[in-house]
Structure formats: C-alpha cells, structure tokens
C-alpha cells in the first residue's frame, strides 16, 4: 500500500481555499499482494448518534468488513477540524463519546482500521447535540426563544474566506412560534425556523420546520428547556440547504 498527502493550492477562476480543508490523506491499497488479510477494509455504514446526557453522545454503526482490526471515531465542531476521540476493537459497532459541553453540536465520522496501518474510507457524517439542563429560555442576540419560551434555538456557521460565527436572531413578536436568523448582515436573512405544538392525536409531538437560503456550513441546535432534550440539524459546506420538516422532533408533550 502507498499513502500520500494531497495538498490543494493555487486555485484559479476566483476560487478560494478553506485553510481547514485543503489537505487530505490518500491511501492506495494493494489488494493483490496476498497479505492483505482478505482485502481492504470497507467503510462503516449507517452511522447514528444519540445524546444520552449533558456530556455524552453515543455512536452506533454497521460494520461492512470481516477483516478490520478496529474502528476509529473522529469528532469536530462546525468550522473545526476532525480529531480522534475514540478507538474500539474489531467487531465492535458502538462507542461512547463523553466529556462534551451541554447543548453542544458535534459532527462525527468513523472509519475501519486494517492491517499494515491502512484505513477504510470514512462513513457519512452525522451530527448530534448533548442534552441541556432544564430552565428558562433567556433570549439574546444569538438565542431565539419560541413557543411560549419553551424552546431555545441557536446556530453556528462557517464560510470560506469569512470564518466562523453565530446566527443572529430576528424575533417575530407577531409570530411567537417562529423566528429568523441572519449570518452576515441584517439585510440578508438566512433562515426562517419554527417550532410547532402538535401535541394532539395522532401526532403527539412538537414539530421543527425550517427553510434556509444558504450554502454555507451551519449547525442548528433546538433545545426543549422543559425536558432537556435536543435536536441537531447540520448542513455541509457548499451544499444548498434543504428544507427541514421534522414532524418527529420532540416526543416531549405536553
């Protein structure tokens, strides 16, 4: 096998490079050498993340190989770089990630390790937020309180050439279940978000809907400050944000 470092530089046509993402590692696996232990290891699939406390998120995944020597779990925040936070042995399909801050959004990925220091491709990314301590919602420039002040909404974003920031709220007094956010300027609204009370049969849920008019990287954390439960939503960099209609968001009625 051969491993090389890829480094992007000198973009043309007006493009710019994100300093945190201009490097990557490429491993070319020789699977005809006869000593590969059954061939290259495959990327784990169906990665899932679930908050279990105000400081821990648990991950589960499906293994796609029978010859891995273990798995490597990596974590980052919006705009951050990945760091290894856990390693587990072969035939293991879960890992806890403790030591996190309450209400913090984390982005995870997992890869399998093979023989001779080789790795599988990464799994798809998944985002989750730790639970929060119940209490009152205190609105400020970066905190939106909606639905009778029960739910708190915050946003972190990252844009190439600009950096990282927090979404700035635009409350809507005439529509207290809804609110707006902007990232760069008050004249440039990026998102409309609402939390709706659907605590009636057959739904028995609080719903989260939003529409974002942006392609920057962002993460949204909606926290139910009565139950402490959270929901996290993530949009990758340079991807047009899809609308979210989460009718299963919070099973925390009434």
C-alpha atoms as a PDB file:
ATOM      1  CA  UNK A   1       0.000   0.000   0.000  1.00  0.00           C
ATOM      2  CA  UNK A   2       1.019   3.593  -0.600  1.00  0.00           C
ATOM      3  CA  UNK A   3      -0.088   6.623   1.412  1.00  0.00           C
ATOM      4  CA  UNK A   4       0.362  10.166   0.137  1.00  0.00           C
ATOM      5  CA  UNK A   5      -0.628  13.624   1.347  1.00  0.00           C
ATOM      6  CA  UNK A   6      -2.802  15.651  -1.021  1.00  0.00           C
ATOM      7  CA  UNK A   7      -2.493  19.423  -0.704  1.00  0.00           C
ATOM      8  CA  UNK A   8      -4.676  21.797  -2.723  1.00  0.00           C
ATOM      9  CA  UNK A   9      -3.096  25.135  -3.665  1.00  0.00           C
ATOM     10  CA  UNK A  10      -3.165  27.986  -6.190  1.00  0.00           C
ATOM     11  CA  UNK A  11      -6.864  27.882  -7.111  1.00  0.00           C
ATOM     12  CA  UNK A  12      -7.925  29.584 -10.319  1.00  0.00           C
ATOM     13  CA  UNK A  13     -11.104  31.153 -11.627  1.00  0.00           C
ATOM     14  CA  UNK A  14     -11.772  33.155  -8.494  1.00  0.00           C
ATOM     15  CA  UNK A  15     -11.973  30.146  -6.174  1.00  0.00           C
ATOM     16  CA  UNK A  16     -10.651  30.278  -2.613  1.00  0.00           C
ATOM     17  CA  UNK A  17      -9.403  27.527  -0.321  1.00  0.00           C
ATOM     18  CA  UNK A  18     -10.689  26.764   3.151  1.00  0.00           C
ATOM     19  CA  UNK A  19      -7.485  26.503   5.201  1.00  0.00           C
ATOM     20  CA  UNK A  20      -9.002  23.793   7.414  1.00  0.00           C
ATOM     21  CA  UNK A  21      -9.861  21.538   4.469  1.00  0.00           C
ATOM     22  CA  UNK A  22      -7.111  21.954   1.879  1.00  0.00           C
ATOM     23  CA  UNK A  23      -5.206  18.823   2.961  1.00  0.00           C
ATOM     24  CA  UNK A  24      -6.223  15.171   2.767  1.00  0.00           C
ATOM     25  CA  UNK A  25      -4.575  11.774   3.087  1.00  0.00           C
ATOM     26  CA  UNK A  26      -4.926   9.197   0.295  1.00  0.00           C
ATOM     27  CA  UNK A  27      -4.113   5.513   0.802  1.00  0.00           C
ATOM     28  CA  UNK A  28      -3.905   3.224  -2.227  1.00  0.00           C
ATOM     29  CA  UNK A  29      -4.376  -0.362  -1.066  1.00  0.00           C
ATOM     30  CA  UNK A  30      -2.710  -3.189  -2.991  1.00  0.00           C
ATOM     31  CA  UNK A  31      -5.300  -5.940  -2.658  1.00  0.00           C
ATOM     32  CA  UNK A  32      -3.408  -8.383  -4.916  1.00  0.00           C
ATOM     33  CA  UNK A  33      -0.375  -8.722  -2.657  1.00  0.00           C
ATOM     34  CA  UNK A  34      -1.658 -11.870  -0.949  1.00  0.00           C
ATOM     35  CA  UNK A  35      -1.035 -10.496   2.549  1.00  0.00           C
ATOM     36  CA  UNK A  36      -3.970  -8.182   2.958  1.00  0.00           C
ATOM     37  CA  UNK A  37      -5.971 -10.355   5.312  1.00  0.00           C
ATOM     38  CA  UNK A  38      -8.913 -10.679   2.946  1.00  0.00           C
ATOM     39  CA  UNK A  39      -8.603  -7.398   1.047  1.00  0.00           C
ATOM     40  CA  UNK A  40      -9.073  -3.774   2.014  1.00  0.00           C
ATOM     41  CA  UNK A  41     -11.454  -2.889   4.813  1.00  0.00           C
ATOM     42  CA  UNK A  42     -14.710  -1.188   3.884  1.00  0.00           C
ATOM     43  CA  UNK A  43     -16.252   1.979   5.278  1.00  0.00           C
ATOM     44  CA  UNK A  44     -18.733   1.534   8.150  1.00  0.00           C
ATOM     45  CA  UNK A  45     -22.337   2.344   7.230  1.00  0.00           C
ATOM     46  CA  UNK A  46     -25.479   3.687   8.888  1.00  0.00           C
ATOM     47  CA  UNK A  47     -23.655   5.794  11.470  1.00  0.00           C
ATOM     48  CA  UNK A  48     -26.056   7.107  14.133  1.00  0.00           C
ATOM     49  CA  UNK A  49     -25.530   9.466  17.064  1.00  0.00           C
ATOM     50  CA  UNK A  50     -27.715   9.780  20.164  1.00  0.00           C
ATOM     51  CA  UNK A  51     -27.343  12.144  23.110  1.00  0.00           C
ATOM     52  CA  UNK A  52     -27.586  10.282  26.426  1.00  0.00           C
ATOM     53  CA  UNK A  53     -26.665  13.084  28.858  1.00  0.00           C
ATOM     54  CA  UNK A  54     -25.485  16.682  29.016  1.00  0.00           C
ATOM     55  CA  UNK A  55     -21.922  15.473  28.448  1.00  0.00           C
ATOM     56  CA  UNK A  56     -22.099  12.281  26.354  1.00  0.00           C
ATOM     57  CA  UNK A  57     -23.173  11.228  22.864  1.00  0.00           C
ATOM     58  CA  UNK A  58     -23.234   7.535  21.937  1.00  0.00           C
ATOM     59  CA  UNK A  59     -22.474   6.335  18.400  1.00  0.00           C
ATOM     60  CA  UNK A  60     -23.563   3.151  16.639  1.00  0.00           C
ATOM     61  CA  UNK A  61     -22.806   1.891  13.133  1.00  0.00           C
ATOM     62  CA  UNK A  62     -22.866  -1.196  10.917  1.00  0.00           C
ATOM     63  CA  UNK A  63     -19.587  -2.890  10.053  1.00  0.00           C
ATOM     64  CA  UNK A  64     -19.020  -3.613   6.371  1.00  0.00           C
ATOM     65  CA  UNK A  65     -15.939  -5.864   6.614  1.00  0.00           C
ATOM     66  CA  UNK A  66     -14.972  -9.023   8.476  1.00  0.00           C
ATOM     67  CA  UNK A  67     -11.236  -8.341   8.491  1.00  0.00           C
ATOM     68  CA  UNK A  68     -10.922  -4.991  10.262  1.00  0.00           C
ATOM     69  CA  UNK A  69      -8.576  -4.625  13.225  1.00  0.00           C
ATOM     70  CA  UNK A  70     -10.749  -1.946  14.844  1.00  0.00           C
ATOM     71  CA  UNK A  71     -12.529   1.348  14.327  1.00  0.00           C
ATOM     72  CA  UNK A  72     -11.511   4.968  14.737  1.00  0.00           C
ATOM     73  CA  UNK A  73     -14.070   7.602  15.795  1.00  0.00           C
ATOM     74  CA  UNK A  74     -13.476  11.258  14.910  1.00  0.00           C
ATOM     75  CA  UNK A  75     -15.297  14.416  16.047  1.00  0.00           C
ATOM     76  CA  UNK A  76     -15.338  18.071  15.067  1.00  0.00           C
ATOM     77  CA  UNK A  77     -17.458  21.169  15.532  1.00  0.00           C
ATOM     78  CA  UNK A  78     -18.857  23.461  12.838  1.00  0.00           C
ATOM     79  CA  UNK A  79     -15.846  25.019  11.101  1.00  0.00           C
ATOM     80  CA  UNK A  80     -13.438  22.815  13.046  1.00  0.00           C
ATOM     81  CA  UNK A  81     -11.075  20.001  12.100  1.00  0.00           C
ATOM     82  CA  UNK A  82     -11.576  16.355  12.941  1.00  0.00           C
ATOM     83  CA  UNK A  83      -9.833  14.816  15.949  1.00  0.00           C
ATOM     84  CA  UNK A  84      -9.766  11.171  17.026  1.00  0.00           C
ATOM     85  CA  UNK A  85     -11.912  10.814  20.165  1.00  0.00           C
ATOM     86  CA  UNK A  86     -12.236   7.024  20.460  1.00  0.00           C
ATOM     87  CA  UNK A  87     -10.815   3.775  19.139  1.00  0.00           C
ATOM     88  CA  UNK A  88     -12.509   0.399  19.552  1.00  0.00           C
ATOM     89  CA  UNK A  89     -11.645  -3.158  18.622  1.00  0.00           C
ATOM     90  CA  UNK A  90     -12.837  -5.350  15.738  1.00  0.00           C
ATOM     91  CA  UNK A  91     -16.450  -6.494  15.516  1.00  0.00           C
ATOM     92  CA  UNK A  92     -17.475  -3.505  17.647  1.00  0.00           C
ATOM     93  CA  UNK A  93     -20.313  -1.348  16.389  1.00  0.00           C
ATOM     94  CA  UNK A  94     -20.669   1.308  19.085  1.00  0.00           C
ATOM     95  CA  UNK A  95     -18.675   3.829  21.070  1.00  0.00           C
ATOM     96  CA  UNK A  96     -19.450   6.465  23.712  1.00  0.00           C
ATOM     97  CA  UNK A  97     -18.040   9.979  23.364  1.00  0.00           C
ATOM     98  CA  UNK A  98     -18.004  11.615  26.839  1.00  0.00           C
ATOM     99  CA  UNK A  99     -16.589  14.898  28.115  1.00  0.00           C
ATOM    100  CA  UNK A 100     -18.715  17.233  25.985  1.00  0.00           C
ATOM    101  CA  UNK A 101     -20.378  20.510  26.944  1.00  0.00           C
ATOM    102  CA  UNK A 102     -24.189  20.710  27.416  1.00  0.00           C
ATOM    103  CA  UNK A 103     -26.173  21.632  24.310  1.00  0.00           C
ATOM    104  CA  UNK A 104     -23.100  21.397  22.071  1.00  0.00           C
ATOM    105  CA  UNK A 105     -23.408  20.252  18.453  1.00  0.00           C
ATOM    106  CA  UNK A 106     -20.810  17.708  17.343  1.00  0.00           C
ATOM    107  CA  UNK A 107     -20.156  16.189  13.925  1.00  0.00           C
ATOM    108  CA  UNK A 108     -18.842  12.619  13.791  1.00  0.00           C
ATOM    109  CA  UNK A 109     -17.408  10.153  11.309  1.00  0.00           C
ATOM    110  CA  UNK A 110     -15.982   6.624  11.687  1.00  0.00           C
ATOM    111  CA  UNK A 111     -13.550   4.519   9.687  1.00  0.00           C
ATOM    112  CA  UNK A 112     -12.287   0.971  10.000  1.00  0.00           C
ATOM    113  CA  UNK A 113      -8.614   0.162  10.537  1.00  0.00           C
ATOM    114  CA  UNK A 114      -6.924  -2.602   8.583  1.00  0.00           C
ATOM    115  CA  UNK A 115      -3.618  -4.414   8.544  1.00  0.00           C
ATOM    116  CA  UNK A 116      -0.358  -2.586   7.991  1.00  0.00           C
ATOM    117  CA  UNK A 117      -1.707   0.773   9.149  1.00  0.00           C
ATOM    118  CA  UNK A 118      -4.368   1.006   6.445  1.00  0.00           C
ATOM    119  CA  UNK A 119      -7.820   2.551   6.795  1.00  0.00           C
ATOM    120  CA  UNK A 120     -11.184   2.277   5.125  1.00  0.00           C
ATOM    121  CA  UNK A 121     -12.904   5.320   3.646  1.00  0.00           C
ATOM    122  CA  UNK A 122     -14.892   7.324   6.172  1.00  0.00           C
ATOM    123  CA  UNK A 123     -18.543   6.778   6.920  1.00  0.00           C
ATOM    124  CA  UNK A 124     -21.030   9.525   6.169  1.00  0.00           C
ATOM    125  CA  UNK A 125     -21.023  12.381   8.674  1.00  0.00           C
ATOM    126  CA  UNK A 126     -23.689  12.596  11.377  1.00  0.00           C
ATOM    127  CA  UNK A 127     -24.468  15.399  13.827  1.00  0.00           C
ATOM    128  CA  UNK A 128     -25.970  15.389  17.320  1.00  0.00           C
ATOM    129  CA  UNK A 129     -26.148  17.708  20.329  1.00  0.00           C
ATOM    130  CA  UNK A 130     -25.773  16.849  24.001  1.00  0.00           C
ATOM    131  CA  UNK A 131     -28.758  17.332  26.298  1.00  0.00           C
ATOM    132  CA  UNK A 132     -29.295  20.549  28.279  1.00  0.00           C
ATOM    133  CA  UNK A 133     -30.303  21.306  31.849  1.00  0.00           C
ATOM    134  CA  UNK A 134     -33.973  22.360  32.038  1.00  0.00           C
ATOM    135  CA  UNK A 135     -34.576  26.001  32.845  1.00  0.00           C
ATOM    136  CA  UNK A 136     -35.861  29.295  31.455  1.00  0.00           C
ATOM    137  CA  UNK A 137     -35.031  30.425  27.931  1.00  0.00           C
ATOM    138  CA  UNK A 138     -33.052  33.663  28.018  1.00  0.00           C
ATOM    139  CA  UNK A 139     -33.202  35.408  24.659  1.00  0.00           C
ATOM    140  CA  UNK A 140     -30.252  37.423  23.380  1.00  0.00           C
ATOM    141  CA  UNK A 141     -28.673  38.396  20.070  1.00  0.00           C
ATOM    142  CA  UNK A 142     -27.757  34.772  19.320  1.00  0.00           C
ATOM    143  CA  UNK A 143     -30.513  32.899  21.179  1.00  0.00           C
ATOM    144  CA  UNK A 144     -34.062  32.613  19.865  1.00  0.00           C
ATOM    145  CA  UNK A 145     -36.846  31.623  22.278  1.00  0.00           C
ATOM    146  CA  UNK A 146     -40.044  30.287  20.685  1.00  0.00           C
ATOM    147  CA  UNK A 147     -43.298  28.516  21.543  1.00  0.00           C
ATOM    148  CA  UNK A 148     -44.061  30.170  24.881  1.00  0.00           C
ATOM    149  CA  UNK A 149     -40.316  30.406  25.628  1.00  0.00           C
ATOM    150  CA  UNK A 150     -40.102  26.620  25.955  1.00  0.00           C
ATOM    151  CA  UNK A 151     -37.684  26.060  23.059  1.00  0.00           C
ATOM    152  CA  UNK A 152     -34.246  27.593  22.522  1.00  0.00           C
ATOM    153  CA  UNK A 153     -32.721  27.811  19.036  1.00  0.00           C
ATOM    154  CA  UNK A 154     -29.056  28.580  18.318  1.00  0.00           C
ATOM    155  CA  UNK A 155     -26.990  28.372  15.112  1.00  0.00           C
ATOM    156  CA  UNK A 156     -23.254  28.137  14.394  1.00  0.00           C
ATOM    157  CA  UNK A 157     -21.962  28.729  10.858  1.00  0.00           C
ATOM    158  CA  UNK A 158     -18.729  28.609   8.849  1.00  0.00           C
ATOM    159  CA  UNK A 159     -17.976  30.255   5.496  1.00  0.00           C
ATOM    160  CA  UNK A 160     -14.812  30.135   3.393  1.00  0.00           C
ATOM    161  CA  UNK A 161     -12.929  33.406   3.448  1.00  0.00           C
ATOM    162  CA  UNK A 162     -15.097  34.746   6.274  1.00  0.00           C
ATOM    163  CA  UNK A 163     -14.607  32.353   9.170  1.00  0.00           C
ATOM    164  CA  UNK A 164     -16.981  31.170  11.876  1.00  0.00           C
ATOM    165  CA  UNK A 165     -19.875  32.877  13.602  1.00  0.00           C
ATOM    166  CA  UNK A 166     -23.158  32.586  15.433  1.00  0.00           C
ATOM    167  CA  UNK A 167     -26.517  33.194  13.820  1.00  0.00           C
ATOM    168  CA  UNK A 168     -28.089  36.497  14.840  1.00  0.00           C
ATOM    169  CA  UNK A 169     -31.749  36.345  15.813  1.00  0.00           C
ATOM    170  CA  UNK A 170     -34.632  38.366  14.403  1.00  0.00           C
ATOM    171  CA  UNK A 171     -37.599  37.644  16.716  1.00  0.00           C
ATOM    172  CA  UNK A 172     -41.112  37.891  15.310  1.00  0.00           C
ATOM    173  CA  UNK A 173     -43.410  39.229  18.071  1.00  0.00           C
ATOM    174  CA  UNK A 174     -46.475  38.698  15.894  1.00  0.00           C
ATOM    175  CA  UNK A 175     -45.482  35.021  15.327  1.00  0.00           C
ATOM    176  CA  UNK A 176     -44.058  33.745  18.642  1.00  0.00           C
ATOM    177  CA  UNK A 177     -43.620  30.176  17.410  1.00  0.00           C
ATOM    178  CA  UNK A 178     -41.252  31.392  14.671  1.00  0.00           C
ATOM    179  CA  UNK A 179     -38.118  33.441  14.167  1.00  0.00           C
ATOM    180  CA  UNK A 180     -35.471  34.497  11.655  1.00  0.00           C
ATOM    181  CA  UNK A 181     -31.672  34.343  11.629  1.00  0.00           C
ATOM    182  CA  UNK A 182     -29.013  36.180   9.651  1.00  0.00           C
ATOM    183  CA  UNK A 183     -25.297  35.366   9.450  1.00  0.00           C
ATOM    184  CA  UNK A 184     -23.575  38.265   7.683  1.00  0.00           C
ATOM    185  CA  UNK A 185     -25.840  41.331   7.646  1.00  0.00           C
ATOM    186  CA  UNK A 186     -29.351  42.271   8.830  1.00  0.00           C
ATOM    187  CA  UNK A 187     -30.372  42.828   5.223  1.00  0.00           C
ATOM    188  CA  UNK A 188     -29.502  39.208   4.346  1.00  0.00           C
ATOM    189  CA  UNK A 189     -31.829  36.776   6.149  1.00  0.00           C
ATOM    190  CA  UNK A 190     -30.509  33.197   6.044  1.00  0.00           C
ATOM    191  CA  UNK A 191     -33.211  31.176   7.799  1.00  0.00           C
ATOM    192  CA  UNK A 192     -36.813  31.005   8.941  1.00  0.00           C
ATOM    193  CA  UNK A 193     -37.377  28.444  11.701  1.00  0.00           C
ATOM    194  CA  UNK A 194     -40.417  27.476  13.763  1.00  0.00           C
ATOM    195  CA  UNK A 195     -41.325  25.018  16.496  1.00  0.00           C
ATOM    196  CA  UNK A 196     -44.985  23.984  16.409  1.00  0.00           C
ATOM    197  CA  UNK A 197     -47.105  22.362  19.086  1.00  0.00           C
ATOM    198  CA  UNK A 198     -48.687  19.249  17.557  1.00  0.00           C
ATOM    199  CA  UNK A 199     -49.434  17.630  20.925  1.00  0.00           C
ATOM    200  CA  UNK A 200     -52.737  16.143  19.759  1.00  0.00           C
ATOM    201  CA  UNK A 201     -53.526  12.631  18.465  1.00  0.00           C
ATOM    202  CA  UNK A 202     -52.271  11.117  16.261  1.00  0.00           C
ATOM    203  CA  UNK A 203     -49.126  13.285  16.261  1.00  0.00           C
ATOM    204  CA  UNK A 204     -48.268  13.933  19.940  1.00  0.00           C
ATOM    205  CA  UNK A 205     -45.085  15.739  19.031  1.00  0.00           C
ATOM    206  CA  UNK A 206     -43.513  19.153  18.776  1.00  0.00           C
ATOM    207  CA  UNK A 207     -42.519  19.785  15.154  1.00  0.00           C
ATOM    208  CA  UNK A 208     -39.448  21.637  13.888  1.00  0.00           C
ATOM    209  CA  UNK A 209     -39.608  23.208  10.436  1.00  0.00           C
ATOM    210  CA  UNK A 210     -37.047  25.469   8.805  1.00  0.00           C
ATOM    211  CA  UNK A 211     -36.048  26.846   5.417  1.00  0.00           C
ATOM    212  CA  UNK A 212     -32.543  28.214   4.855  1.00  0.00           C
ATOM    213  CA  UNK A 213     -31.399  30.219   1.838  1.00  0.00           C
ATOM    214  CA  UNK A 214     -27.669  29.496   2.031  1.00  0.00           C
ATOM    215  CA  UNK A 215     -24.918  27.047   1.094  1.00  0.00           C
ATOM    216  CA  UNK A 216     -22.548  27.763   3.983  1.00  0.00           C
ATOM    217  CA  UNK A 217     -21.818  25.164   6.633  1.00  0.00           C
ATOM    218  CA  UNK A 218     -24.125  25.501   9.617  1.00  0.00           C
ATOM    219  CA  UNK A 219     -25.455  23.588  12.588  1.00  0.00           C
ATOM    220  CA  UNK A 220     -28.767  24.219  14.355  1.00  0.00           C
ATOM    221  CA  UNK A 221     -29.499  23.127  17.916  1.00  0.00           C
ATOM    222  CA  UNK A 222     -33.115  23.211  19.125  1.00  0.00           C
ATOM    223  CA  UNK A 223     -33.429  22.540  22.865  1.00  0.00           C
ATOM    224  CA  UNK A 224     -36.615  21.763  24.796  1.00  0.00           C
ATOM    225  CA  UNK A 225     -35.908  23.578  28.056  1.00  0.00           C
ATOM    226  CA  UNK A 226     -38.706  21.733  29.853  1.00  0.00           C
ATOM    227  CA  UNK A 227     -37.398  18.219  29.192  1.00  0.00           C
ATOM    228  CA  UNK A 228     -33.732  18.928  28.406  1.00  0.00           C
ATOM    229  CA  UNK A 229     -33.975  17.084  25.069  1.00  0.00           C
ATOM    230  CA  UNK A 230     -32.213  18.456  21.979  1.00  0.00           C
ATOM    231  CA  UNK A 231     -32.347  18.092  18.205  1.00  0.00           C
ATOM    232  CA  UNK A 232     -29.415  18.911  15.948  1.00  0.00           C
ATOM    233  CA  UNK A 233     -29.506  19.717  12.235  1.00  0.00           C
ATOM    234  CA  UNK A 234     -26.410  20.091  10.042  1.00  0.00           C
ATOM    235  CA  UNK A 235     -25.685  21.418   6.560  1.00  0.00           C
ATOM    236  CA  UNK A 236     -22.253  20.744   4.975  1.00  0.00           C
ATOM    237  CA  UNK A 237     -20.162  23.473   3.383  1.00  0.00           C
ATOM    238  CA  UNK A 238     -21.030  24.337  -0.238  1.00  0.00           C
ATOM    239  CA  UNK A 239     -24.254  22.346  -0.143  1.00  0.00           C
ATOM    240  CA  UNK A 240     -27.539  24.108  -0.805  1.00  0.00           C
ATOM    241  CA  UNK A 241     -29.513  23.760   2.410  1.00  0.00           C
ATOM    242  CA  UNK A 242     -32.557  21.545   2.072  1.00  0.00           C
ATOM    243  CA  UNK A 243     -35.769  22.462   3.910  1.00  0.00           C
ATOM    244  CA  UNK A 244     -36.424  20.512   7.102  1.00  0.00           C
ATOM    245  CA  UNK A 245     -39.883  19.287   8.127  1.00  0.00           C
ATOM    246  CA  UNK A 246     -39.197  17.207  11.224  1.00  0.00           C
ATOM    247  CA  UNK A 247     -42.584  16.007  12.492  1.00  0.00           C
ATOM    248  CA  UNK A 248     -40.910  13.576  14.931  1.00  0.00           C
ATOM    249  CA  UNK A 249     -38.635  16.151  16.543  1.00  0.00           C
ATOM    250  CA  UNK A 250     -39.747  16.111  20.188  1.00  0.00           C
ATOM    251  CA  UNK A 251     -41.857  13.407  21.813  1.00  0.00           C
ATOM    252  CA  UNK A 252     -41.990  15.556  24.951  1.00  0.00           C
ATOM    253  CA  UNK A 253     -45.672  16.502  25.163  1.00  0.00           C
ATOM    254  CA  UNK A 254     -47.334  18.160  26.924  1.00  0.00           C
END
